[in-house]
Amino acid sequence: MFEGQPQAELDALMKTNPEFKSLYQRHKELDKKVLDAELGVLAVDDLTLSKMKREKLAAKDRLVTMYDGRH
């Protein structure tokens, strides 16, 4: 999600901002679930998949806002 950003910066932000860390972990979890659902490994209905995608996007938007606010 933060391609091109130094991992050290992300790690530092996660250490100092618990909300960022929690949201980052939630985004990663949703990313994996969405991918699994799209590959057919995780059985979910279309409505659930759509909700997961929206939540993942909202988390990403919030993370980017938080990251940009620090720089």
PDB file of N, CA and C in Angstrom:
ATOM      1  N   MET A   1       0.813  -1.184   0.000  1.00  0.00           N
ATOM      2  CA  MET A   1       0.000   0.000   0.000  1.00  0.00           C
ATOM      3  C   MET A   1       0.862   1.256   0.000  1.00  0.00           C
ATOM      4  N   PHE A   2       1.940   1.244   0.725  1.00  0.00           N
ATOM      5  CA  PHE A   2       2.831   2.384   0.782  1.00  0.00           C
ATOM      6  C   PHE A   2       4.104   2.083   0.003  1.00  0.00           C
ATOM      7  N   GLU A   3       3.933   1.611  -1.233  1.00  0.00           N
ATOM      8  CA  GLU A   3       5.083   1.309  -2.060  1.00  0.00           C
ATOM      9  C   GLU A   3       5.918   2.568  -2.246  1.00  0.00           C
ATOM     10  N   GLY A   4       7.202   2.411  -2.181  1.00  0.00           N
ATOM     11  CA  GLY A   4       8.092   3.546  -2.354  1.00  0.00           C
ATOM     12  C   GLY A   4       8.364   4.325  -1.086  1.00  0.00           C
ATOM     13  N   GLN A   5       7.647   4.002  -0.031  1.00  0.00           N
ATOM     14  CA  GLN A   5       7.889   4.672   1.247  1.00  0.00           C
ATOM     15  C   GLN A   5       8.862   3.830   2.061  1.00  0.00           C
ATOM     16  N   PRO A   6       9.810   4.477   2.688  1.00  0.00           N
ATOM     17  CA  PRO A   6      10.764   3.715   3.511  1.00  0.00           C
ATOM     18  C   PRO A   6      10.052   2.951   4.629  1.00  0.00           C
ATOM     19  N   GLN A   7      10.374   1.677   4.748  1.00  0.00           N
ATOM     20  CA  GLN A   7       9.748   0.852   5.772  1.00  0.00           C
ATOM     21  C   GLN A   7      10.040   1.397   7.165  1.00  0.00           C
ATOM     22  N   ALA A   8      11.208   1.997   7.331  1.00  0.00           N
ATOM     23  CA  ALA A   8      11.575   2.566   8.638  1.00  0.00           C
ATOM     24  C   ALA A   8      10.585   3.658   9.052  1.00  0.00           C
ATOM     25  N   GLU A   9      10.129   4.458   8.084  1.00  0.00           N
ATOM     26  CA  GLU A   9       9.149   5.509   8.393  1.00  0.00           C
ATOM     27  C   GLU A   9       7.825   4.898   8.843  1.00  0.00           C
ATOM     28  N   LEU A  10       7.399   3.861   8.143  1.00  0.00           N
ATOM     29  CA  LEU A  10       6.149   3.203   8.516  1.00  0.00           C
ATOM     30  C   LEU A  10       6.264   2.559   9.894  1.00  0.00           C
ATOM     31  N   ASP A  11       7.388   1.903  10.140  1.00  0.00           N
ATOM     32  CA  ASP A  11       7.602   1.265  11.445  1.00  0.00           C
ATOM     33  C   ASP A  11       7.586   2.301  12.564  1.00  0.00           C
ATOM     34  N   ALA A  12       8.236   3.436  12.333  1.00  0.00           N
ATOM     35  CA  ALA A  12       8.271   4.495  13.343  1.00  0.00           C
ATOM     36  C   ALA A  12       6.870   5.032  13.604  1.00  0.00           C
ATOM     37  N   LEU A  13       6.101   5.199  12.543  1.00  0.00           N
ATOM     38  CA  LEU A  13       4.739   5.707  12.694  1.00  0.00           C
ATOM     39  C   LEU A  13       3.873   4.705  13.450  1.00  0.00           C
ATOM     40  N   MET A  14       4.075   3.425  13.187  1.00  0.00           N
ATOM     41  CA  MET A  14       3.290   2.405  13.894  1.00  0.00           C
ATOM     42  C   MET A  14       3.659   2.353  15.380  1.00  0.00           C
ATOM     43  N   LYS A  15       4.917   2.637  15.695  1.00  0.00           N
ATOM     44  CA  LYS A  15       5.349   2.629  17.100  1.00  0.00           C
ATOM     45  C   LYS A  15       4.790   3.818  17.867  1.00  0.00           C
ATOM     46  N   THR A  16       4.639   4.951  17.192  1.00  0.00           N
ATOM     47  CA  THR A  16       4.209   6.162  17.881  1.00  0.00           C
ATOM     48  C   THR A  16       2.713   6.425  17.780  1.00  0.00           C
ATOM     49  N   ASN A  17       2.038   5.709  16.867  1.00  0.00           N
ATOM     50  CA  ASN A  17       0.622   5.969  16.666  1.00  0.00           C
ATOM     51  C   ASN A  17      -0.158   4.648  16.673  1.00  0.00           C
ATOM     52  N   PRO A  18      -0.745   4.293  17.802  1.00  0.00           N
ATOM     53  CA  PRO A  18      -1.472   3.019  17.902  1.00  0.00           C
ATOM     54  C   PRO A  18      -2.655   2.921  16.930  1.00  0.00           C
ATOM     55  N   GLU A  19      -3.304   4.041  16.654  1.00  0.00           N
ATOM     56  CA  GLU A  19      -4.424   4.025  15.708  1.00  0.00           C
ATOM     57  C   GLU A  19      -3.937   3.655  14.312  1.00  0.00           C
ATOM     58  N   PHE A  20      -2.807   4.231  13.900  1.00  0.00           N
ATOM     59  CA  PHE A  20      -2.232   3.914  12.590  1.00  0.00           C
ATOM     60  C   PHE A  20      -1.882   2.435  12.523  1.00  0.00           C
ATOM     61  N   LYS A  21      -1.248   1.931  13.572  1.00  0.00           N
ATOM     62  CA  LYS A  21      -0.843   0.525  13.600  1.00  0.00           C
ATOM     63  C   LYS A  21      -2.058  -0.396  13.485  1.00  0.00           C
ATOM     64  N   SER A  22      -3.080  -0.123  14.263  1.00  0.00           N
ATOM     65  CA  SER A  22      -4.283  -0.946  14.247  1.00  0.00           C
ATOM     66  C   SER A  22      -4.960  -0.910  12.877  1.00  0.00           C
ATOM     67  N   LEU A  23      -5.068   0.271  12.310  1.00  0.00           N
ATOM     68  CA  LEU A  23      -5.694   0.424  11.005  1.00  0.00           C
ATOM     69  C   LEU A  23      -4.864  -0.240   9.910  1.00  0.00           C
ATOM     70  N   TYR A  24      -3.553  -0.126  10.008  1.00  0.00           N
ATOM     71  CA  TYR A  24      -2.650  -0.758   9.043  1.00  0.00           C
ATOM     72  C   TYR A  24      -2.814  -2.278   9.081  1.00  0.00           C
ATOM     73  N   GLN A  25      -2.874  -2.838  10.270  1.00  0.00           N
ATOM     74  CA  GLN A  25      -3.055  -4.286  10.413  1.00  0.00           C
ATOM     75  C   GLN A  25      -4.425  -4.720   9.900  1.00  0.00           C
ATOM     76  N   ARG A  26      -5.458  -3.923  10.169  1.00  0.00           N
ATOM     77  CA  ARG A  26      -6.799  -4.239   9.678  1.00  0.00           C
ATOM     78  C   ARG A  26      -6.834  -4.208   8.149  1.00  0.00           C
ATOM     79  N   HIS A  27      -6.170  -3.227   7.556  1.00  0.00           N
ATOM     80  CA  HIS A  27      -6.118  -3.132   6.099  1.00  0.00           C
ATOM     81  C   HIS A  27      -5.443  -4.364   5.511  1.00  0.00           C
ATOM     82  N   LYS A  28      -4.331  -4.789   6.106  1.00  0.00           N
ATOM     83  CA  LYS A  28      -3.630  -5.976   5.619  1.00  0.00           C
ATOM     84  C   LYS A  28      -4.511  -7.216   5.728  1.00  0.00           C
ATOM     85  N   GLU A  29      -5.237  -7.337   6.840  1.00  0.00           N
ATOM     86  CA  GLU A  29      -6.143  -8.467   7.048  1.00  0.00           C
ATOM     87  C   GLU A  29      -7.247  -8.483   5.982  1.00  0.00           C
ATOM     88  N   LEU A  30      -7.842  -7.321   5.738  1.00  0.00           N
ATOM     89  CA  LEU A  30      -8.891  -7.228   4.730  1.00  0.00           C
ATOM     90  C   LEU A  30      -8.344  -7.505   3.332  1.00  0.00           C
ATOM     91  N   ASP A  31      -7.139  -7.032   3.066  1.00  0.00           N
ATOM     92  CA  ASP A  31      -6.513  -7.260   1.768  1.00  0.00           C
ATOM     93  C   ASP A  31      -6.385  -8.759   1.504  1.00  0.00           C
ATOM     94  N   LYS A  32      -5.942  -9.489   2.497  1.00  0.00           N
ATOM     95  CA  LYS A  32      -5.791 -10.940   2.353  1.00  0.00           C
ATOM     96  C   LYS A  32      -7.145 -11.621   2.160  1.00  0.00           C
ATOM     97  N   LYS A  33      -8.136 -11.214   2.937  1.00  0.00           N
ATOM     98  CA  LYS A  33      -9.457 -11.821   2.820  1.00  0.00           C
ATOM     99  C   LYS A  33     -10.089 -11.547   1.456  1.00  0.00           C
ATOM    100  N   VAL A  34      -9.960 -10.326   0.975  1.00  0.00           N
ATOM    101  CA  VAL A  34     -10.512  -9.973  -0.333  1.00  0.00           C
ATOM    102  C   VAL A  34      -9.826 -10.791  -1.419  1.00  0.00           C
ATOM    103  N   LEU A  35      -8.514 -10.889  -1.351  1.00  0.00           N
ATOM    104  CA  LEU A  35      -7.781 -11.673  -2.339  1.00  0.00           C
ATOM    105  C   LEU A  35      -8.220 -13.138  -2.289  1.00  0.00           C
ATOM    106  N   ASP A  36      -8.307 -13.694  -1.093  1.00  0.00           N
ATOM    107  CA  ASP A  36      -8.744 -15.087  -0.944  1.00  0.00           C
ATOM    108  C   ASP A  36     -10.151 -15.291  -1.509  1.00  0.00           C
ATOM    109  N   ALA A  37     -11.036 -14.334  -1.261  1.00  0.00           N
ATOM    110  CA  ALA A  37     -12.403 -14.441  -1.767  1.00  0.00           C
ATOM    111  C   ALA A  37     -12.423 -14.382  -3.294  1.00  0.00           C
ATOM    112  N   GLU A  38     -11.616 -13.493  -3.858  1.00  0.00           N
ATOM    113  CA  GLU A  38     -11.573 -13.370  -5.311  1.00  0.00           C
ATOM    114  C   GLU A  38     -10.960 -14.606  -5.969  1.00  0.00           C
ATOM    115  N   LEU A  39     -10.062 -15.274  -5.262  1.00  0.00           N
ATOM    116  CA  LEU A  39      -9.448 -16.494  -5.793  1.00  0.00           C
ATOM    117  C   LEU A  39     -10.319 -17.728  -5.550  1.00  0.00           C
ATOM    118  N   GLY A  40     -11.355 -17.572  -4.755  1.00  0.00           N
ATOM    119  CA  GLY A  40     -12.241 -18.687  -4.461  1.00  0.00           C
ATOM    120  C   GLY A  40     -11.795 -19.531  -3.288  1.00  0.00           C
ATOM    121  N   VAL A  41     -10.772 -19.086  -2.577  1.00  0.00           N
ATOM    122  CA  VAL A  41     -10.268 -19.820  -1.414  1.00  0.00           C
ATOM    123  C   VAL A  41     -11.159 -19.576  -0.202  1.00  0.00           C
ATOM    124  N   LEU A  42     -11.723 -18.379  -0.116  1.00  0.00           N
ATOM    125  CA  LEU A  42     -12.599 -17.998   0.991  1.00  0.00           C
ATOM    126  C   LEU A  42     -14.005 -17.824   0.434  1.00  0.00           C
ATOM    127  N   ALA A  43     -14.926 -18.596   0.936  1.00  0.00           N
ATOM    128  CA  ALA A  43     -16.303 -18.525   0.442  1.00  0.00           C
ATOM    129  C   ALA A  43     -17.054 -17.394   1.135  1.00  0.00           C
ATOM    130  N   VAL A  44     -17.357 -16.354   0.383  1.00  0.00           N
ATOM    131  CA  VAL A  44     -18.173 -15.243   0.888  1.00  0.00           C
ATOM    132  C   VAL A  44     -19.156 -14.833  -0.203  1.00  0.00           C
ATOM    133  N   ASP A  45     -20.280 -14.298   0.219  1.00  0.00           N
ATOM    134  CA  ASP A  45     -21.262 -13.837  -0.757  1.00  0.00           C
ATOM    135  C   ASP A  45     -20.846 -12.464  -1.299  1.00  0.00           C
ATOM    136  N   ASP A  46     -21.482 -12.054  -2.364  1.00  0.00           N
ATOM    137  CA  ASP A  46     -21.115 -10.796  -3.030  1.00  0.00           C
ATOM    138  C   ASP A  46     -21.285  -9.579  -2.128  1.00  0.00           C
ATOM    139  N   LEU A  47     -22.316  -9.588  -1.310  1.00  0.00           N
ATOM    140  CA  LEU A  47     -22.553  -8.460  -0.409  1.00  0.00           C
ATOM    141  C   LEU A  47     -21.421  -8.335   0.614  1.00  0.00           C
ATOM    142  N   THR A  48     -21.014  -9.449   1.183  1.00  0.00           N
ATOM    143  CA  THR A  48     -19.918  -9.447   2.164  1.00  0.00           C
ATOM    144  C   THR A  48     -18.620  -8.994   1.510  1.00  0.00           C
ATOM    145  N   LEU A  49     -18.349  -9.487   0.314  1.00  0.00           N
ATOM    146  CA  LEU A  49     -17.138  -9.090  -0.401  1.00  0.00           C
ATOM    147  C   LEU A  49     -17.153  -7.595  -0.684  1.00  0.00           C
ATOM    148  N   SER A  50     -18.288  -7.088  -1.088  1.00  0.00           N
ATOM    149  CA  SER A  50     -18.413  -5.661  -1.362  1.00  0.00           C
ATOM    150  C   SER A  50     -18.163  -4.834  -0.099  1.00  0.00           C
ATOM    151  N   LYS A  51     -18.708  -5.282   1.025  1.00  0.00           N
ATOM    152  CA  LYS A  51     -18.493  -4.579   2.299  1.00  0.00           C
ATOM    153  C   LYS A  51     -17.020  -4.601   2.691  1.00  0.00           C
ATOM    154  N   MET A  52     -16.371  -5.747   2.506  1.00  0.00           N
ATOM    155  CA  MET A  52     -14.942  -5.843   2.844  1.00  0.00           C
ATOM    156  C   MET A  52     -14.122  -4.888   1.977  1.00  0.00           C
ATOM    157  N   LYS A  53     -14.451  -4.807   0.702  1.00  0.00           N
ATOM    158  CA  LYS A  53     -13.726  -3.914  -0.204  1.00  0.00           C
ATOM    159  C   LYS A  53     -13.916  -2.455   0.199  1.00  0.00           C
ATOM    160  N   ARG A  54     -15.148  -2.092   0.574  1.00  0.00           N
ATOM    161  CA  ARG A  54     -15.399  -0.712   1.001  1.00  0.00           C
ATOM    162  C   ARG A  54     -14.649  -0.389   2.288  1.00  0.00           C
ATOM    163  N   GLU A  55     -14.655  -1.331   3.229  1.00  0.00           N
ATOM    164  CA  GLU A  55     -13.942  -1.112   4.491  1.00  0.00           C
ATOM    165  C   GLU A  55     -12.436  -0.991   4.246  1.00  0.00           C
ATOM    166  N   LYS A  56     -11.925  -1.838   3.357  1.00  0.00           N
ATOM    167  CA  LYS A  56     -10.501  -1.801   3.023  1.00  0.00           C
ATOM    168  C   LYS A  56     -10.133  -0.449   2.402  1.00  0.00           C
ATOM    169  N   LEU A  57     -10.957   0.043   1.489  1.00  0.00           N
ATOM    170  CA  LEU A  57     -10.698   1.332   0.854  1.00  0.00           C
ATOM    171  C   LEU A  57     -10.774   2.473   1.864  1.00  0.00           C
ATOM    172  N   ALA A  58     -11.752   2.415   2.754  1.00  0.00           N
ATOM    173  CA  ALA A  58     -11.875   3.456   3.784  1.00  0.00           C
ATOM    174  C   ALA A  58     -10.652   3.441   4.701  1.00  0.00           C
ATOM    175  N   ALA A  59     -10.168   2.257   5.037  1.00  0.00           N
ATOM    176  CA  ALA A  59      -8.975   2.148   5.879  1.00  0.00           C
ATOM    177  C   ALA A  59      -7.770   2.729   5.148  1.00  0.00           C
ATOM    178  N   LYS A  60      -7.644   2.414   3.875  1.00  0.00           N
ATOM    179  CA  LYS A  60      -6.516   2.935   3.098  1.00  0.00           C
ATOM    180  C   LYS A  60      -6.567   4.459   3.031  1.00  0.00           C
ATOM    181  N   ASP A  61      -7.745   5.009   2.763  1.00  0.00           N
ATOM    182  CA  ASP A  61      -7.884   6.465   2.698  1.00  0.00           C
ATOM    183  C   ASP A  61      -7.481   7.111   4.015  1.00  0.00           C
ATOM    184  N   ARG A  62      -7.914   6.525   5.123  1.00  0.00           N
ATOM    185  CA  ARG A  62      -7.577   7.066   6.445  1.00  0.00           C
ATOM    186  C   ARG A  62      -6.072   6.947   6.715  1.00  0.00           C
ATOM    187  N   LEU A  63      -5.478   5.823   6.339  1.00  0.00           N
ATOM    188  CA  LEU A  63      -4.040   5.627   6.530  1.00  0.00           C
ATOM    189  C   LEU A  63      -3.235   6.643   5.735  1.00  0.00           C
ATOM    190  N   VAL A  64      -3.623   6.874   4.498  1.00  0.00           N
ATOM    191  CA  VAL A  64      -2.910   7.842   3.658  1.00  0.00           C
ATOM    192  C   VAL A  64      -3.024   9.237   4.253  1.00  0.00           C
ATOM    193  N   THR A  65      -4.202   9.568   4.728  1.00  0.00           N
ATOM    194  CA  THR A  65      -4.409  10.880   5.358  1.00  0.00           C
ATOM    195  C   THR A  65      -3.521  11.021   6.590  1.00  0.00           C
ATOM    196  N   MET A  66      -3.482   9.979   7.405  1.00  0.00           N
ATOM    197  CA  MET A  66      -2.644   9.998   8.610  1.00  0.00           C
ATOM    198  C   MET A  66      -1.162  10.087   8.247  1.00  0.00           C
ATOM    199  N   TYR A  67      -0.759   9.342   7.250  1.00  0.00           N
ATOM    200  CA  TYR A  67       0.653   9.347   6.834  1.00  0.00           C
ATOM    201  C   TYR A  67       1.036  10.708   6.273  1.00  0.00           C
ATOM    202  N   ASP A  68       0.197  11.259   5.404  1.00  0.00           N
ATOM    203  CA  ASP A  68       0.491  12.559   4.813  1.00  0.00           C
ATOM    204  C   ASP A  68       0.500  13.675   5.856  1.00  0.00           C
ATOM    205  N   GLY A  69      -0.308  13.518   6.880  1.00  0.00           N
ATOM    206  CA  GLY A  69      -0.353  14.514   7.939  1.00  0.00           C
ATOM    207  C   GLY A  69       0.924  14.555   8.770  1.00  0.00           C
ATOM    208  N   ARG A  70       1.687  13.475   8.705  1.00  0.00           N
ATOM    209  CA  ARG A  70       2.941  13.406   9.459  1.00  0.00           C
ATOM    210  C   ARG A  70       4.116  13.941   8.651  1.00  0.00           C
ATOM    211  N   HIS A  71       3.904  14.188   7.362  1.00  0.00           N
ATOM    212  CA  HIS A  71       5.011  14.625   6.497  1.00  0.00           C
ATOM    213  C   HIS A  71       4.698  15.914   5.800  1.00  0.00           C
TER     214      HIS A  71
END
